[in-house]
Amino acid sequence: MNLENLIKGMPAMQKRQVMKHWRCSEEEISKIAATINFDIILPLISAETLLIHGEKDSLVPLGYIKKAAKKVGGSVELKVIPDGNHMCSDTLKEEQLPYIAEWLNSRLY
């Protein structure tokens, strides 16, 4: 599971959004993505991890996140937001940010 395969599979419109966000060309993105292998990186994470993912995220499929969650070395909570889009922007302020704050607060104190 690597970032390069995810980016290669993106529809053209989403690829353009990534290029705009990262401020680089498709060739540059491919070079960067080829160096990121989640199979190697994720098992190195030993901290408790919260993953929040929109069920209807069209950029990063939910299946990728479920696979990623299983590879993290530490304990993982995967919170799937029903009807959530990429970054759960429709409900981020009202629902996800308070949840994230509570999750962090319960572990920091």
PDB file of N, CA and C in Angstrom:
ATOM      1  N   MET A   1       0.857  -1.184   0.000  1.00  0.00           N
ATOM      2  CA  MET A   1       0.000   0.000   0.000  1.00  0.00           C
ATOM      3  C   MET A   1       0.896   1.237   0.000  1.00  0.00           C
ATOM      4  N   ASN A   2       0.909   1.939  -1.120  1.00  0.00           N
ATOM      5  CA  ASN A   2       1.731   3.142  -1.163  1.00  0.00           C
ATOM      6  C   ASN A   2       0.973   4.309  -1.779  1.00  0.00           C
ATOM      7  N   LEU A   3       1.463   5.485  -1.505  1.00  0.00           N
ATOM      8  CA  LEU A   3       0.818   6.711  -1.951  1.00  0.00           C
ATOM      9  C   LEU A   3       0.808   6.823  -3.469  1.00  0.00           C
ATOM     10  N   GLU A   4       1.831   6.308  -4.108  1.00  0.00           N
ATOM     11  CA  GLU A   4       1.918   6.386  -5.569  1.00  0.00           C
ATOM     12  C   GLU A   4       0.734   5.687  -6.230  1.00  0.00           C
ATOM     13  N   ASN A   5       0.381   4.498  -5.740  1.00  0.00           N
ATOM     14  CA  ASN A   5      -0.759   3.771  -6.314  1.00  0.00           C
ATOM     15  C   ASN A   5      -2.064   4.519  -6.092  1.00  0.00           C
ATOM     16  N   LEU A   6      -2.213   5.131  -4.930  1.00  0.00           N
ATOM     17  CA  LEU A   6      -3.412   5.899  -4.638  1.00  0.00           C
ATOM     18  C   LEU A   6      -3.534   7.077  -5.595  1.00  0.00           C
ATOM     19  N   ILE A   7      -2.452   7.786  -5.795  1.00  0.00           N
ATOM     20  CA  ILE A   7      -2.485   8.955  -6.684  1.00  0.00           C
ATOM     21  C   ILE A   7      -2.719   8.544  -8.132  1.00  0.00           C
ATOM     22  N   LYS A   8      -2.087   7.448  -8.565  1.00  0.00           N
ATOM     23  CA  LYS A   8      -2.294   6.975  -9.940  1.00  0.00           C
ATOM     24  C   LYS A   8      -3.758   6.650 -10.204  1.00  0.00           C
ATOM     25  N   GLY A   9      -4.455   6.171  -9.197  1.00  0.00           N
ATOM     26  CA  GLY A   9      -5.852   5.777  -9.357  1.00  0.00           C
ATOM     27  C   GLY A   9      -6.859   6.908  -9.245  1.00  0.00           C
ATOM     28  N   MET A  10      -6.387   8.106  -8.962  1.00  0.00           N
ATOM     29  CA  MET A  10      -7.295   9.242  -8.793  1.00  0.00           C
ATOM     30  C   MET A  10      -7.868   9.697 -10.128  1.00  0.00           C
ATOM     31  N   PRO A  11      -9.117  10.132 -10.116  1.00  0.00           N
ATOM     32  CA  PRO A  11      -9.662  10.786 -11.311  1.00  0.00           C
ATOM     33  C   PRO A  11      -8.881  12.071 -11.589  1.00  0.00           C
ATOM     34  N   ALA A  12      -8.853  12.485 -12.844  1.00  0.00           N
ATOM     35  CA  ALA A  12      -8.062  13.644 -13.270  1.00  0.00           C
ATOM     36  C   ALA A  12      -8.382  14.905 -12.471  1.00  0.00           C
ATOM     37  N   MET A  13      -9.646  15.143 -12.177  1.00  0.00           N
ATOM     38  CA  MET A  13     -10.029  16.348 -11.448  1.00  0.00           C
ATOM     39  C   MET A  13      -9.422  16.348 -10.037  1.00  0.00           C
ATOM     40  N   GLN A  14      -9.425  15.209  -9.397  1.00  0.00           N
ATOM     41  CA  GLN A  14      -8.842  15.123  -8.061  1.00  0.00           C
ATOM     42  C   GLN A  14      -7.323  15.261  -8.109  1.00  0.00           C
ATOM     43  N   LYS A  15      -6.716  14.700  -9.147  1.00  0.00           N
ATOM     44  CA  LYS A  15      -5.266  14.842  -9.315  1.00  0.00           C
ATOM     45  C   LYS A  15      -4.895  16.316  -9.446  1.00  0.00           C
ATOM     46  N   ARG A  16      -5.696  17.059 -10.204  1.00  0.00           N
ATOM     47  CA  ARG A  16      -5.442  18.492 -10.359  1.00  0.00           C
ATOM     48  C   ARG A  16      -5.541  19.216  -9.015  1.00  0.00           C
ATOM     49  N   GLN A  17      -6.484  18.798  -8.182  1.00  0.00           N
ATOM     50  CA  GLN A  17      -6.619  19.410  -6.857  1.00  0.00           C
ATOM     51  C   GLN A  17      -5.386  19.135  -6.001  1.00  0.00           C
ATOM     52  N   VAL A  18      -4.871  17.913  -6.073  1.00  0.00           N
ATOM     53  CA  VAL A  18      -3.657  17.564  -5.325  1.00  0.00           C
ATOM     54  C   VAL A  18      -2.491  18.413  -5.827  1.00  0.00           C
ATOM     55  N   MET A  19      -2.363  18.533  -7.144  1.00  0.00           N
ATOM     56  CA  MET A  19      -1.270  19.329  -7.711  1.00  0.00           C
ATOM     57  C   MET A  19      -1.386  20.788  -7.259  1.00  0.00           C
ATOM     58  N   LYS A  20      -2.607  21.304  -7.232  1.00  0.00           N
ATOM     59  CA  LYS A  20      -2.821  22.684  -6.793  1.00  0.00           C
ATOM     60  C   LYS A  20      -2.459  22.811  -5.312  1.00  0.00           C
ATOM     61  N   HIS A  21      -2.915  21.875  -4.492  1.00  0.00           N
ATOM     62  CA  HIS A  21      -2.661  21.923  -3.051  1.00  0.00           C
ATOM     63  C   HIS A  21      -1.172  21.775  -2.739  1.00  0.00           C
ATOM     64  N   TRP A  22      -0.508  20.835  -3.401  1.00  0.00           N
ATOM     65  CA  TRP A  22       0.922  20.582  -3.164  1.00  0.00           C
ATOM     66  C   TRP A  22       1.820  21.540  -3.937  1.00  0.00           C
ATOM     67  N   ARG A  23       1.235  22.296  -4.856  1.00  0.00           N
ATOM     68  CA  ARG A  23       1.974  23.255  -5.690  1.00  0.00           C
ATOM     69  C   ARG A  23       3.096  22.583  -6.482  1.00  0.00           C
ATOM     70  N   CYS A  24       2.748  21.491  -7.153  1.00  0.00           N
ATOM     71  CA  CYS A  24       3.753  20.811  -7.972  1.00  0.00           C
ATOM     72  C   CYS A  24       3.074  20.083  -9.135  1.00  0.00           C
ATOM     73  N   SER A  25       3.889  19.633 -10.056  1.00  0.00           N
ATOM     74  CA  SER A  25       3.391  18.946 -11.242  1.00  0.00           C
ATOM     75  C   SER A  25       3.060  17.487 -10.918  1.00  0.00           C
ATOM     76  N   GLU A  26       2.390  16.825 -11.846  1.00  0.00           N
ATOM     77  CA  GLU A  26       2.067  15.405 -11.663  1.00  0.00           C
ATOM     78  C   GLU A  26       3.344  14.574 -11.576  1.00  0.00           C
ATOM     79  N   GLU A  27       4.343  14.939 -12.348  1.00  0.00           N
ATOM     80  CA  GLU A  27       5.623  14.231 -12.305  1.00  0.00           C
ATOM     81  C   GLU A  27       6.279  14.378 -10.929  1.00  0.00           C
ATOM     82  N   GLU A  28       6.239  15.591 -10.378  1.00  0.00           N
ATOM     83  CA  GLU A  28       6.816  15.817  -9.051  1.00  0.00           C
ATOM     84  C   GLU A  28       6.053  15.040  -7.980  1.00  0.00           C
ATOM     85  N   ILE A  29       4.728  15.016  -8.102  1.00  0.00           N
ATOM     86  CA  ILE A  29       3.911  14.259  -7.143  1.00  0.00           C
ATOM     87  C   ILE A  29       4.270  12.783  -7.211  1.00  0.00           C
ATOM     88  N   SER A  30       4.423  12.258  -8.404  1.00  0.00           N
ATOM     89  CA  SER A  30       4.774  10.842  -8.563  1.00  0.00           C
ATOM     90  C   SER A  30       6.116  10.521  -7.909  1.00  0.00           C
ATOM     91  N   LYS A  31       7.084  11.414  -8.080  1.00  0.00           N
ATOM     92  CA  LYS A  31       8.400  11.196  -7.465  1.00  0.00           C
ATOM     93  C   LYS A  31       8.296  11.195  -5.933  1.00  0.00           C
ATOM     94  N   ILE A  32       7.539  12.141  -5.394  1.00  0.00           N
ATOM     95  CA  ILE A  32       7.355  12.215  -3.936  1.00  0.00           C
ATOM     96  C   ILE A  32       6.615  10.975  -3.447  1.00  0.00           C
ATOM     97  N   ALA A  33       5.517  10.667  -4.115  1.00  0.00           N
ATOM     98  CA  ALA A  33       4.668   9.551  -3.692  1.00  0.00           C
ATOM     99  C   ALA A  33       5.398   8.214  -3.746  1.00  0.00           C
ATOM    100  N   ALA A  34       6.299   8.060  -4.698  1.00  0.00           N
ATOM    101  CA  ALA A  34       7.032   6.797  -4.840  1.00  0.00           C
ATOM    102  C   ALA A  34       7.926   6.522  -3.629  1.00  0.00           C
ATOM    103  N   THR A  35       8.234   7.559  -2.875  1.00  0.00           N
ATOM    104  CA  THR A  35       9.104   7.386  -1.708  1.00  0.00           C
ATOM    105  C   THR A  35       8.323   7.098  -0.418  1.00  0.00           C
ATOM    106  N   ILE A  36       7.007   7.154  -0.489  1.00  0.00           N
ATOM    107  CA  ILE A  36       6.183   6.972   0.713  1.00  0.00           C
ATOM    108  C   ILE A  36       5.486   5.619   0.649  1.00  0.00           C
ATOM    109  N   ASN A  37       5.913   4.718   1.482  1.00  0.00           N
ATOM    110  CA  ASN A  37       5.335   3.377   1.524  1.00  0.00           C
ATOM    111  C   ASN A  37       4.723   3.161   2.911  1.00  0.00           C
ATOM    112  N   PHE A  38       3.399   3.129   2.955  1.00  0.00           N
ATOM    113  CA  PHE A  38       2.696   3.011   4.228  1.00  0.00           C
ATOM    114  C   PHE A  38       2.938   1.666   4.909  1.00  0.00           C
ATOM    115  N   ASP A  39       3.265   0.638   4.141  1.00  0.00           N
ATOM    116  CA  ASP A  39       3.562  -0.670   4.737  1.00  0.00           C
ATOM    117  C   ASP A  39       4.790  -0.591   5.644  1.00  0.00           C
ATOM    118  N   ILE A  40       5.681   0.338   5.348  1.00  0.00           N
ATOM    119  CA  ILE A  40       6.897   0.520   6.151  1.00  0.00           C
ATOM    120  C   ILE A  40       6.669   1.542   7.262  1.00  0.00           C
ATOM    121  N   ILE A  41       5.990   2.628   6.935  1.00  0.00           N
ATOM    122  CA  ILE A  41       5.831   3.740   7.874  1.00  0.00           C
ATOM    123  C   ILE A  41       4.840   3.441   8.994  1.00  0.00           C
ATOM    124  N   LEU A  42       3.666   2.925   8.663  1.00  0.00           N
ATOM    125  CA  LEU A  42       2.605   2.780   9.665  1.00  0.00           C
ATOM    126  C   LEU A  42       2.957   1.875  10.837  1.00  0.00           C
ATOM    127  N   PRO A  43       3.639   0.748  10.639  1.00  0.00           N
ATOM    128  CA  PRO A  43       3.994  -0.075  11.803  1.00  0.00           C
ATOM    129  C   PRO A  43       4.933   0.627  12.787  1.00  0.00           C
ATOM    130  N   LEU A  44       5.595   1.691  12.341  1.00  0.00           N
ATOM    131  CA  LEU A  44       6.501   2.427  13.215  1.00  0.00           C
ATOM    132  C   LEU A  44       5.769   3.355  14.184  1.00  0.00           C
ATOM    133  N   ILE A  45       4.493   3.590  13.932  1.00  0.00           N
ATOM    134  CA  ILE A  45       3.700   4.463  14.803  1.00  0.00           C
ATOM    135  C   ILE A  45       3.281   3.659  16.025  1.00  0.00           C
ATOM    136  N   SER A  46       3.763   4.072  17.189  1.00  0.00           N
ATOM    137  CA  SER A  46       3.431   3.336  18.412  1.00  0.00           C
ATOM    138  C   SER A  46       2.463   4.099  19.312  1.00  0.00           C
ATOM    139  N   ALA A  47       2.219   5.356  19.005  1.00  0.00           N
ATOM    140  CA  ALA A  47       1.308   6.162  19.820  1.00  0.00           C
ATOM    141  C   ALA A  47      -0.146   5.791  19.524  1.00  0.00           C
ATOM    142  N   GLU A  48      -1.024   6.070  20.507  1.00  0.00           N
ATOM    143  CA  GLU A  48      -2.448   5.910  20.242  1.00  0.00           C
ATOM    144  C   GLU A  48      -2.798   6.825  19.073  1.00  0.00           C
ATOM    145  N   THR A  49      -3.601   6.320  18.178  1.00  0.00           N
ATOM    146  CA  THR A  49      -3.886   7.051  16.944  1.00  0.00           C
ATOM    147  C   THR A  49      -5.386   7.150  16.716  1.00  0.00           C
ATOM    148  N   LEU A  50      -5.836   8.343  16.362  1.00  0.00           N
ATOM    149  CA  LEU A  50      -7.227   8.572  16.000  1.00  0.00           C
ATOM    150  C   LEU A  50      -7.265   8.855  14.509  1.00  0.00           C
ATOM    151  N   LEU A  51      -8.015   8.047  13.785  1.00  0.00           N
ATOM    152  CA  LEU A  51      -8.234   8.272  12.355  1.00  0.00           C
ATOM    153  C   LEU A  51      -9.706   8.612  12.162  1.00  0.00           C
ATOM    154  N   ILE A  52      -9.963   9.739  11.556  1.00  0.00           N
ATOM    155  CA  ILE A  52     -11.337  10.148  11.252  1.00  0.00           C
ATOM    156  C   ILE A  52     -11.446  10.196   9.744  1.00  0.00           C
ATOM    157  N   HIS A  53     -12.467   9.516   9.227  1.00  0.00           N
ATOM    158  CA  HIS A  53     -12.578   9.417   7.773  1.00  0.00           C
ATOM    159  C   HIS A  53     -14.030   9.512   7.339  1.00  0.00           C
ATOM    160  N   GLY A  54     -14.258  10.274   6.291  1.00  0.00           N
ATOM    161  CA  GLY A  54     -15.597  10.403   5.722  1.00  0.00           C
ATOM    162  C   GLY A  54     -15.967   9.166   4.918  1.00  0.00           C
ATOM    163  N   GLU A  55     -17.123   8.626   5.202  1.00  0.00           N
ATOM    164  CA  GLU A  55     -17.598   7.417   4.527  1.00  0.00           C
ATOM    165  C   GLU A  55     -17.688   7.613   3.009  1.00  0.00           C
ATOM    166  N   LYS A  56     -17.971   8.830   2.576  1.00  0.00           N
ATOM    167  CA  LYS A  56     -18.135   9.100   1.148  1.00  0.00           C
ATOM    168  C   LYS A  56     -16.987   9.922   0.586  1.00  0.00           C
ATOM    169  N   ASP A  57     -15.818   9.779   1.178  1.00  0.00           N
ATOM    170  CA  ASP A  57     -14.625  10.462   0.688  1.00  0.00           C
ATOM    171  C   ASP A  57     -14.308   9.904  -0.697  1.00  0.00           C
ATOM    172  N   SER A  58     -14.342  10.770  -1.698  1.00  0.00           N
ATOM    173  CA  SER A  58     -14.075  10.314  -3.067  1.00  0.00           C
ATOM    174  C   SER A  58     -12.591  10.407  -3.417  1.00  0.00           C
ATOM    175  N   LEU A  59     -11.798  11.005  -2.547  1.00  0.00           N
ATOM    176  CA  LEU A  59     -10.371  11.146  -2.813  1.00  0.00           C
ATOM    177  C   LEU A  59      -9.581   9.966  -2.242  1.00  0.00           C
ATOM    178  N   VAL A  60      -9.866   9.605  -0.996  1.00  0.00           N
ATOM    179  CA  VAL A  60      -9.181   8.491  -0.343  1.00  0.00           C
ATOM    180  C   VAL A  60     -10.246   7.462   0.045  1.00  0.00           C
ATOM    181  N   PRO A  61     -10.272   6.319  -0.627  1.00  0.00           N
ATOM    182  CA  PRO A  61     -11.300   5.320  -0.335  1.00  0.00           C
ATOM    183  C   PRO A  61     -11.226   4.819   1.114  1.00  0.00           C
ATOM    184  N   LEU A  62     -12.385   4.568   1.693  1.00  0.00           N
ATOM    185  CA  LEU A  62     -12.472   4.085   3.069  1.00  0.00           C
ATOM    186  C   LEU A  62     -11.673   2.791   3.253  1.00  0.00           C
ATOM    187  N   GLY A  63     -11.654   1.941   2.242  1.00  0.00           N
ATOM    188  CA  GLY A  63     -10.900   0.694   2.321  1.00  0.00           C
ATOM    189  C   GLY A  63      -9.422   0.923   2.593  1.00  0.00           C
ATOM    190  N   TYR A  64      -8.850   1.996   2.022  1.00  0.00           N
ATOM    191  CA  TYR A  64      -7.440   2.314   2.266  1.00  0.00           C
ATOM    192  C   TYR A  64      -7.222   2.650   3.737  1.00  0.00           C
ATOM    193  N   ILE A  65      -8.139   3.398   4.302  1.00  0.00           N
ATOM    194  CA  ILE A  65      -8.004   3.811   5.696  1.00  0.00           C
ATOM    195  C   ILE A  65      -8.159   2.610   6.620  1.00  0.00           C
ATOM    196  N   LYS A  66      -9.072   1.724   6.306  1.00  0.00           N
ATOM    197  CA  LYS A  66      -9.247   0.514   7.120  1.00  0.00           C
ATOM    198  C   LYS A  66      -7.982  -0.340   7.086  1.00  0.00           C
ATOM    199  N   LYS A  67      -7.377  -0.463   5.909  1.00  0.00           N
ATOM    200  CA  LYS A  67      -6.117  -1.213   5.800  1.00  0.00           C
ATOM    201  C   LYS A  67      -5.009  -0.516   6.581  1.00  0.00           C
ATOM    202  N   ALA A  68      -4.960   0.807   6.462  1.00  0.00           N
ATOM    203  CA  ALA A  68      -3.936   1.584   7.166  1.00  0.00           C
ATOM    204  C   ALA A  68      -4.082   1.425   8.677  1.00  0.00           C
ATOM    205  N   ALA A  69      -5.311   1.462   9.156  1.00  0.00           N
ATOM    206  CA  ALA A  69      -5.555   1.345  10.597  1.00  0.00           C
ATOM    207  C   ALA A  69      -5.013   0.026  11.143  1.00  0.00           C
ATOM    208  N   LYS A  70      -5.123  -1.026  10.360  1.00  0.00           N
ATOM    209  CA  LYS A  70      -4.634  -2.340  10.801  1.00  0.00           C
ATOM    210  C   LYS A  70      -3.112  -2.417  10.833  1.00  0.00           C
ATOM    211  N   LYS A  71      -2.443  -1.529  10.101  1.00  0.00           N
ATOM    212  CA  LYS A  71      -0.986  -1.570  10.012  1.00  0.00           C
ATOM    213  C   LYS A  71      -0.283  -0.704  11.059  1.00  0.00           C
ATOM    214  N   VAL A  72      -1.029   0.206  11.689  1.00  0.00           N
ATOM    215  CA  VAL A  72      -0.427   1.077  12.698  1.00  0.00           C
ATOM    216  C   VAL A  72       0.041   0.227  13.872  1.00  0.00           C
ATOM    217  N   GLY A  73       1.254   0.517  14.354  1.00  0.00           N
ATOM    218  CA  GLY A  73       1.837  -0.271  15.430  1.00  0.00           C
ATOM    219  C   GLY A  73       1.140  -0.124  16.777  1.00  0.00           C
ATOM    220  N   GLY A  74       0.624   1.052  17.069  1.00  0.00           N
ATOM    221  CA  GLY A  74      -0.070   1.298  18.336  1.00  0.00           C
ATOM    222  C   GLY A  74      -1.563   1.070  18.197  1.00  0.00           C
ATOM    223  N   SER A  75      -2.281   1.388  19.268  1.00  0.00           N
ATOM    224  CA  SER A  75      -3.733   1.228  19.225  1.00  0.00           C
ATOM    225  C   SER A  75      -4.349   2.309  18.343  1.00  0.00           C
ATOM    226  N   VAL A  76      -5.421   1.941  17.658  1.00  0.00           N
ATOM    227  CA  VAL A  76      -6.052   2.839  16.698  1.00  0.00           C
ATOM    228  C   VAL A  76      -7.549   2.889  16.942  1.00  0.00           C
ATOM    229  N   GLU A  77      -8.081   4.095  16.908  1.00  0.00           N
ATOM    230  CA  GLU A  77      -9.530   4.269  16.859  1.00  0.00           C
ATOM    231  C   GLU A  77      -9.852   4.834  15.491  1.00  0.00           C
ATOM    232  N   LEU A  78     -10.668   4.124  14.746  1.00  0.00           N
ATOM    233  CA  LEU A  78     -11.113   4.604  13.437  1.00  0.00           C
ATOM    234  C   LEU A  78     -12.553   5.065  13.582  1.00  0.00           C
ATOM    235  N   LYS A  79     -12.767   6.348  13.381  1.00  0.00           N
ATOM    236  CA  LYS A  79     -14.107   6.926  13.453  1.00  0.00           C
ATOM    237  C   LYS A  79     -14.528   7.273  12.030  1.00  0.00           C
ATOM    238  N   VAL A  80     -15.534   6.572  11.558  1.00  0.00           N
ATOM    239  CA  VAL A  80     -16.049   6.808  10.211  1.00  0.00           C
ATOM    240  C   VAL A  80     -17.258   7.732  10.319  1.00  0.00           C
ATOM    241  N   ILE A  81     -17.226   8.802   9.551  1.00  0.00           N
ATOM    242  CA  ILE A  81     -18.311   9.777   9.558  1.00  0.00           C
ATOM    243  C   ILE A  81     -19.300   9.421   8.454  1.00  0.00           C
ATOM    244  N   PRO A  82     -20.524   9.006   8.839  1.00  0.00           N
ATOM    245  CA  PRO A  82     -21.526   8.663   7.824  1.00  0.00           C
ATOM    246  C   PRO A  82     -21.764   9.856   6.895  1.00  0.00           C
ATOM    247  N   ASP A  83     -21.792   9.597   5.623  1.00  0.00           N
ATOM    248  CA  ASP A  83     -21.997  10.620   4.589  1.00  0.00           C
ATOM    249  C   ASP A  83     -20.902  11.686   4.576  1.00  0.00           C
ATOM    250  N   GLY A  84     -19.814  11.472   5.305  1.00  0.00           N
ATOM    251  CA  GLY A  84     -18.723  12.448   5.338  1.00  0.00           C
ATOM    252  C   GLY A  84     -17.948  12.459   4.042  1.00  0.00           C
ATOM    253  N   ASN A  85     -17.551  13.662   3.614  1.00  0.00           N
ATOM    254  CA  ASN A  85     -16.751  13.804   2.409  1.00  0.00           C
ATOM    255  C   ASN A  85     -15.276  13.880   2.792  1.00  0.00           C
ATOM    256  N   HIS A  86     -14.424  14.233   1.834  1.00  0.00           N
ATOM    257  CA  HIS A  86     -12.996  14.359   2.123  1.00  0.00           C
ATOM    258  C   HIS A  86     -12.809  15.481   3.137  1.00  0.00           C
ATOM    259  N   MET A  87     -12.115  15.196   4.199  1.00  0.00           N
ATOM    260  CA  MET A  87     -11.872  16.107   5.313  1.00  0.00           C
ATOM    261  C   MET A  87     -13.146  16.407   6.110  1.00  0.00           C
ATOM    262  N   CYS A  88     -14.237  15.717   5.799  1.00  0.00           N
ATOM    263  CA  CYS A  88     -15.499  15.877   6.534  1.00  0.00           C
ATOM    264  C   CYS A  88     -15.848  17.353   6.695  1.00  0.00           C
ATOM    265  N   SER A  89     -15.631  18.136   5.647  1.00  0.00           N
ATOM    266  CA  SER A  89     -15.773  19.587   5.739  1.00  0.00           C
ATOM    267  C   SER A  89     -17.178  20.045   6.102  1.00  0.00           C
ATOM    268  N   ASP A  90     -18.193  19.231   5.807  1.00  0.00           N
ATOM    269  CA  ASP A  90     -19.566  19.629   6.129  1.00  0.00           C
ATOM    270  C   ASP A  90     -19.838  19.632   7.623  1.00  0.00           C
ATOM    271  N   THR A  91     -19.161  18.773   8.360  1.00  0.00           N
ATOM    272  CA  THR A  91     -19.437  18.635   9.796  1.00  0.00           C
ATOM    273  C   THR A  91     -18.201  18.834  10.663  1.00  0.00           C
ATOM    274  N   LEU A  92     -17.098  19.244  10.069  1.00  0.00           N
ATOM    275  CA  LEU A  92     -15.834  19.336  10.797  1.00  0.00           C
ATOM    276  C   LEU A  92     -15.945  20.215  12.041  1.00  0.00           C
ATOM    277  N   LYS A  93     -16.438  21.410  11.878  1.00  0.00           N
ATOM    278  CA  LYS A  93     -16.474  22.369  12.986  1.00  0.00           C
ATOM    279  C   LYS A  93     -17.423  21.910  14.098  1.00  0.00           C
ATOM    280  N   GLU A  94     -18.596  21.450  13.726  1.00  0.00           N
ATOM    281  CA  GLU A  94     -19.616  21.118  14.716  1.00  0.00           C
ATOM    282  C   GLU A  94     -19.406  19.758  15.371  1.00  0.00           C
ATOM    283  N   GLU A  95     -18.862  18.796  14.630  1.00  0.00           N
ATOM    284  CA  GLU A  95     -18.795  17.438  15.150  1.00  0.00           C
ATOM    285  C   GLU A  95     -17.374  16.913  15.350  1.00  0.00           C
ATOM    286  N   GLN A  96     -16.541  16.977  14.327  1.00  0.00           N
ATOM    287  CA  GLN A  96     -15.235  16.340  14.421  1.00  0.00           C
ATOM    288  C   GLN A  96     -14.263  17.095  15.322  1.00  0.00           C
ATOM    289  N   LEU A  97     -14.216  18.413  15.233  1.00  0.00           N
ATOM    290  CA  LEU A  97     -13.269  19.151  16.078  1.00  0.00           C
ATOM    291  C   LEU A  97     -13.560  18.956  17.567  1.00  0.00           C
ATOM    292  N   PRO A  98     -14.822  19.040  18.013  1.00  0.00           N
ATOM    293  CA  PRO A  98     -15.082  18.746  19.431  1.00  0.00           C
ATOM    294  C   PRO A  98     -14.705  17.303  19.801  1.00  0.00           C
ATOM    295  N   TYR A  99     -14.935  16.355  18.895  1.00  0.00           N
ATOM    296  CA  TYR A  99     -14.579  14.962  19.169  1.00  0.00           C
ATOM    297  C   TYR A  99     -13.066  14.807  19.290  1.00  0.00           C
ATOM    298  N   ILE A 100     -12.339  15.435  18.388  1.00  0.00           N
ATOM    299  CA  ILE A 100     -10.876  15.383  18.417  1.00  0.00           C
ATOM    300  C   ILE A 100     -10.362  16.005  19.715  1.00  0.00           C
ATOM    301  N   ALA A 101     -10.919  17.152  20.096  1.00  0.00           N
ATOM    302  CA  ALA A 101     -10.495  17.824  21.322  1.00  0.00           C
ATOM    303  C   ALA A 101     -10.745  16.936  22.541  1.00  0.00           C
ATOM    304  N   GLU A 102     -11.904  16.304  22.595  1.00  0.00           N
ATOM    305  CA  GLU A 102     -12.224  15.411  23.720  1.00  0.00           C
ATOM    306  C   GLU A 102     -11.289  14.202  23.726  1.00  0.00           C
ATOM    307  N   TRP A 103     -11.028  13.636  22.558  1.00  0.00           N
ATOM    308  CA  TRP A 103     -10.134  12.470  22.438  1.00  0.00           C
ATOM    309  C   TRP A 103      -8.741  12.832  22.952  1.00  0.00           C
ATOM    310  N   LEU A 104      -8.233  13.967  22.512  1.00  0.00           N
ATOM    311  CA  LEU A 104      -6.908  14.406  22.956  1.00  0.00           C
ATOM    312  C   LEU A 104      -6.905  14.714  24.454  1.00  0.00           C
ATOM    313  N   ASN A 105      -7.926  15.416  24.915  1.00  0.00           N
ATOM    314  CA  ASN A 105      -8.009  15.787  26.321  1.00  0.00           C
ATOM    315  C   ASN A 105      -8.017  14.545  27.220  1.00  0.00           C
ATOM    316  N   SER A 106      -8.705  13.508  26.815  1.00  0.00           N
ATOM    317  CA  SER A 106      -8.786  12.296  27.641  1.00  0.00           C
ATOM    318  C   SER A 106      -7.448  11.560  27.713  1.00  0.00           C
ATOM    319  N   ARG A 107      -6.543  11.850  26.797  1.00  0.00           N
ATOM    320  CA  ARG A 107      -5.261  11.161  26.774  1.00  0.00           C
ATOM    321  C   ARG A 107      -4.106  12.024  27.291  1.00  0.00           C
ATOM    322  N   LEU A 108      -4.309  13.301  27.347  1.00  0.00           N
ATOM    323  CA  LEU A 108      -3.249  14.204  27.792  1.00  0.00           C
ATOM    324  C   LEU A 108      -3.270  14.457  29.297  1.00  0.00           C
ATOM    325  N   TYR A 109      -4.416  14.251  29.910  1.00  0.00           N
ATOM    326  CA  TYR A 109      -4.518  14.535  31.351  1.00  0.00           C
ATOM    327  C   TYR A 109      -4.811  13.279  32.136  1.00  0.00           C
TER     328      TYR A 109
END
